[in-house]
């Protein structure tokens, strides 16, 4: 897990560790996200619509993770980045909304009530993480969110092309910048990486849920 990586990689820069944590535990390596089932085949339209609506439920509202983290971060490097990231997320929420409208209603799926309960709980867990009083945790979560959003954006842009929506430039998720912010932070490295790991695992759980919903529709 990420904690073991921190303990054994003395001398490695914080930013590199954070990006590696997201890469290893977040969206990009999830089998459903990385596989062919999600965005190809005759179920692709429903699968992508499901992704869009659940991302809207999790990240389409203000305040989000970045906004919450800005209230818990006092050091200059982190606050400067959070300010620009919050502005970029305004555009991302607009993009999500446009995609949700174009995708139509959320696909009918057996066990939908349980899914809605799960996403509400996850939204609460992410808000708690991004408002943690442990200095550095909220910033680490926000940086990890931005890094993982870059991967999520690839499937949103694929959906946009299918739906006839013009993809928007993404102003968040540049790994070099995120690494630089993490390296410049004076907060606890362990707290930063804890926040990053927990955010990554929450996103991983989202893809578990989306995969389960896809399987439920297929078997119904």
Protein backbone atom coordinates (compact mmCIF):
# COMPACT_ATOMS: atom_id res chain seq x y z
CA UNK A 1 0.00 0.00 0.00
CA UNK A 2 1.02 3.66 -0.20
CA UNK A 3 2.19 3.79 3.43
CA UNK A 4 4.74 1.07 2.81
CA UNK A 5 5.99 3.02 -0.21
CA UNK A 6 6.54 6.10 1.93
CA UNK A 7 8.43 4.11 4.55
CA UNK A 8 10.80 2.46 2.09
CA UNK A 9 11.43 5.24 -0.42
CA UNK A 10 13.48 7.64 1.68
CA UNK A 11 14.77 10.56 -0.36
CA UNK A 12 12.04 10.33 -2.99
CA UNK A 13 10.30 13.65 -3.55
CA UNK A 14 6.83 14.04 -2.12
CA UNK A 15 5.30 14.95 -5.48
CA UNK A 16 6.58 11.79 -7.15
CA UNK A 17 5.22 9.68 -4.32
CA UNK A 18 1.83 11.37 -4.53
CA UNK A 19 1.53 10.88 -8.28
CA UNK A 20 2.66 7.26 -7.93
CA UNK A 21 0.06 6.69 -5.21
CA UNK A 22 -2.74 7.93 -7.46
CA UNK A 23 -1.46 5.95 -10.42
CA UNK A 24 -1.31 2.76 -8.40
CA UNK A 25 -4.50 3.03 -6.35
CA UNK A 26 -6.84 5.27 -8.33
CA UNK A 27 -8.93 5.22 -11.48
CA UNK A 28 -6.39 4.40 -14.18
CA UNK A 29 -5.64 0.84 -13.05
CA UNK A 30 -9.20 -0.21 -12.24
CA UNK A 31 -10.15 -3.17 -14.50
CA UNK A 32 -13.52 -1.70 -15.47
CA UNK A 33 -12.08 1.69 -16.39
CA UNK A 34 -9.13 0.17 -18.26
CA UNK A 35 -11.10 -2.63 -19.96
CA UNK A 36 -13.08 -2.72 -23.17
CA UNK A 37 -16.54 -3.19 -21.64
CA UNK A 38 -17.00 0.39 -20.48
CA UNK A 39 -16.78 2.40 -23.68
CA UNK A 40 -17.15 -0.18 -26.44
CA UNK A 41 -19.87 -2.57 -27.53
CA UNK A 42 -23.65 -2.32 -27.60
CA UNK A 43 -23.86 -1.39 -23.89
CA UNK A 44 -21.38 1.49 -24.17
CA UNK A 45 -24.02 4.24 -24.32
CA UNK A 46 -25.65 3.11 -21.08
CA UNK A 47 -22.33 2.50 -19.38
CA UNK A 48 -21.04 5.96 -20.23
CA UNK A 49 -24.31 7.58 -19.18
CA UNK A 50 -24.00 5.80 -15.85
CA UNK A 51 -20.46 7.11 -15.39
CA UNK A 52 -21.51 10.67 -16.21
CA UNK A 53 -24.48 10.71 -13.83
CA UNK A 54 -22.52 9.23 -10.95
CA UNK A 55 -19.63 11.64 -11.46
CA UNK A 56 -22.19 14.46 -11.45
CA UNK A 57 -23.56 13.16 -8.16
CA UNK A 58 -20.09 12.88 -6.64
CA UNK A 59 -18.26 15.89 -8.08
CA UNK A 60 -20.80 18.04 -9.90
CA UNK A 61 -21.82 20.16 -6.93
CA UNK A 62 -20.26 23.16 -5.24
CA UNK A 63 -18.45 23.09 -2.87
CA UNK A 64 -16.32 20.16 -3.98
CA UNK A 65 -13.08 18.61 -2.80
CA UNK A 66 -10.90 21.48 -4.03
CA UNK A 67 -13.19 24.10 -2.49
CA UNK A 68 -13.26 22.31 0.85
CA UNK A 69 -9.49 21.85 0.87
CA UNK A 70 -8.95 25.58 0.32
CA UNK A 71 -10.53 26.24 3.73
CA UNK A 72 -8.05 23.88 5.42
CA UNK A 73 -4.81 24.94 3.71
CA UNK A 74 -2.83 27.93 4.94
CA UNK A 75 0.59 27.65 3.32
CA UNK A 76 1.14 29.79 0.17
CA UNK A 77 2.02 27.16 -2.44
CA UNK A 78 -1.03 25.09 -1.66
CA UNK A 79 -3.41 28.03 -1.46
CA UNK A 80 -2.24 29.47 -4.78
CA UNK A 81 -2.79 26.18 -6.56
CA UNK A 82 -6.14 25.56 -4.88
CA UNK A 83 -7.37 28.97 -6.04
CA UNK A 84 -6.62 28.23 -9.70
CA UNK A 85 -7.89 24.66 -9.38
CA UNK A 86 -11.20 25.90 -7.94
CA UNK A 87 -11.64 28.14 -10.99
CA UNK A 88 -10.89 25.22 -13.30
CA UNK A 89 -13.46 23.07 -11.51
CA UNK A 90 -16.18 25.59 -12.37
CA UNK A 91 -15.62 24.68 -16.03
CA UNK A 92 -15.45 20.97 -15.21
CA UNK A 93 -18.85 21.10 -13.49
CA UNK A 94 -20.32 22.88 -16.51
CA UNK A 95 -18.87 20.16 -18.73
CA UNK A 96 -20.35 17.42 -16.54
CA UNK A 97 -23.75 19.08 -16.65
CA UNK A 98 -23.70 19.37 -20.44
CA UNK A 99 -22.75 15.70 -20.74
CA UNK A 100 -25.48 14.64 -18.32
CA UNK A 101 -28.11 16.50 -20.35
CA UNK A 102 -26.85 14.98 -23.59
CA UNK A 103 -26.69 11.46 -22.11
CA UNK A 104 -30.33 11.51 -21.00
CA UNK A 105 -31.72 9.77 -17.91
CA UNK A 106 -29.62 7.54 -15.71
CA UNK A 107 -29.84 3.96 -17.01
CA UNK A 108 -32.34 1.76 -15.21
CA UNK A 109 -30.36 -0.65 -13.07
CA UNK A 110 -31.41 -3.33 -10.55
CA UNK A 111 -30.45 -2.33 -7.01
CA UNK A 112 -30.53 1.38 -7.82
CA UNK A 113 -31.54 2.36 -4.28
CA UNK A 114 -28.41 0.78 -2.86
CA UNK A 115 -26.29 2.59 -5.44
CA UNK A 116 -27.79 5.95 -4.50
CA UNK A 117 -27.15 5.28 -0.82
CA UNK A 118 -23.56 4.34 -1.59
CA UNK A 119 -22.85 7.50 -3.58
CA UNK A 120 -24.34 9.73 -0.88
CA UNK A 121 -22.10 8.04 1.70
CA UNK A 122 -19.08 8.42 -0.55
CA UNK A 123 -19.77 12.10 -1.12
CA UNK A 124 -19.87 12.58 2.63
CA UNK A 125 -16.63 10.66 3.10
CA UNK A 126 -14.85 12.79 0.49
CA UNK A 127 -16.12 16.01 2.07
CA UNK A 128 -14.83 14.86 5.45
CA UNK A 129 -11.45 13.97 3.97
CA UNK A 130 -11.14 17.33 2.21
CA UNK A 131 -11.97 19.15 5.45
CA UNK A 132 -9.64 17.16 7.68
CA UNK A 133 -8.00 19.06 10.53
CA UNK A 134 -4.82 17.03 10.01
CA UNK A 135 -2.57 19.58 8.31
CA UNK A 136 -1.69 18.50 4.80
CA UNK A 137 -4.37 15.84 4.47
CA UNK A 138 -6.87 18.07 2.67
CA UNK A 139 -4.24 19.39 0.26
CA UNK A 140 -3.06 15.85 -0.47
CA UNK A 141 -6.64 14.80 -1.23
CA UNK A 142 -7.16 17.77 -3.55
CA UNK A 143 -3.90 17.13 -5.41
CA UNK A 144 -4.80 13.46 -5.79
CA UNK A 145 -8.27 14.38 -7.02
CA UNK A 146 -6.72 16.58 -9.72
CA UNK A 147 -4.29 13.83 -10.74
CA UNK A 148 -7.05 11.22 -10.91
CA UNK A 149 -9.39 13.59 -12.73
CA UNK A 150 -6.94 13.59 -15.63
CA UNK A 151 -7.65 9.88 -16.07
CA UNK A 152 -11.39 10.30 -15.56
CA UNK A 153 -11.39 13.03 -18.20
CA UNK A 154 -10.36 10.52 -20.88
CA UNK A 155 -13.63 8.62 -20.50
CA UNK A 156 -15.65 11.84 -20.27
CA UNK A 157 -14.09 13.07 -23.50
CA UNK A 158 -14.85 9.71 -25.15
CA UNK A 159 -18.46 10.09 -24.03
CA UNK A 160 -18.54 13.66 -25.35
CA UNK A 161 -17.55 12.48 -28.82
CA UNK A 162 -20.31 9.86 -28.84
CA UNK A 163 -22.85 12.41 -27.65
CA UNK A 164 -21.87 15.20 -30.03
CA UNK A 165 -20.61 17.47 -27.25
CA UNK A 166 -17.45 19.47 -27.90
CA UNK A 167 -14.78 18.40 -25.38
CA UNK A 168 -13.59 21.28 -23.21
CA UNK A 169 -9.91 21.95 -22.45
CA UNK A 170 -9.04 20.58 -19.02
CA UNK A 171 -7.34 23.08 -16.72
CA UNK A 172 -6.60 20.63 -13.92
CA UNK A 173 -4.46 17.51 -13.61
CA UNK A 174 -1.00 18.42 -14.97
CA UNK A 175 1.26 15.94 -13.09
CA UNK A 176 4.35 18.17 -13.26
CA UNK A 177 2.47 21.05 -11.62
CA UNK A 178 0.88 18.81 -9.02
CA UNK A 179 4.26 17.34 -8.13
CA UNK A 180 5.72 20.82 -7.84
CA UNK A 181 2.96 21.93 -5.45
CA UNK A 182 3.42 18.84 -3.29
CA UNK A 183 7.19 19.31 -3.22
CA UNK A 184 6.83 22.97 -2.25
CA UNK A 185 4.38 22.26 0.56
CA UNK A 186 5.66 22.61 4.11
CA UNK A 187 2.92 20.33 5.42
CA UNK A 188 3.61 16.83 6.68
CA UNK A 189 4.56 14.50 3.84
CA UNK A 190 2.82 11.64 5.60
CA UNK A 191 -0.41 13.65 5.89
CA UNK A 192 -0.26 14.70 2.23
CA UNK A 193 0.17 11.12 1.11
CA UNK A 194 -2.50 9.84 3.46
CA UNK A 195 -4.98 12.27 1.91
CA UNK A 196 -3.89 11.21 -1.56
CA UNK A 197 -4.23 7.53 -0.78
CA UNK A 198 -7.68 7.88 0.73
CA UNK A 199 -8.94 9.94 -2.21
CA UNK A 200 -7.58 7.36 -4.63
CA UNK A 201 -9.28 4.52 -2.77
CA UNK A 202 -12.59 6.39 -2.73
CA UNK A 203 -12.41 6.79 -6.50
CA UNK A 204 -11.51 3.12 -6.79
CA UNK A 205 -14.68 2.31 -4.86
CA UNK A 206 -16.68 4.43 -7.31
CA UNK A 207 -15.46 2.29 -10.21
CA UNK A 208 -16.27 -0.85 -8.22
CA UNK A 209 -19.82 0.46 -7.91
CA UNK A 210 -20.08 1.38 -11.59
CA UNK A 211 -18.77 -2.04 -12.60
CA UNK A 212 -21.31 -3.76 -10.34
CA UNK A 213 -24.09 -1.71 -11.91
CA UNK A 214 -22.93 -2.66 -15.41
CA UNK A 215 -22.97 -6.33 -14.46
CA UNK A 216 -26.43 -6.01 -12.90
CA UNK A 217 -27.82 -4.49 -16.11
CA UNK A 218 -26.23 -7.22 -18.19
CA UNK A 219 -27.71 -9.98 -16.05
CA UNK A 220 -31.16 -8.42 -15.69
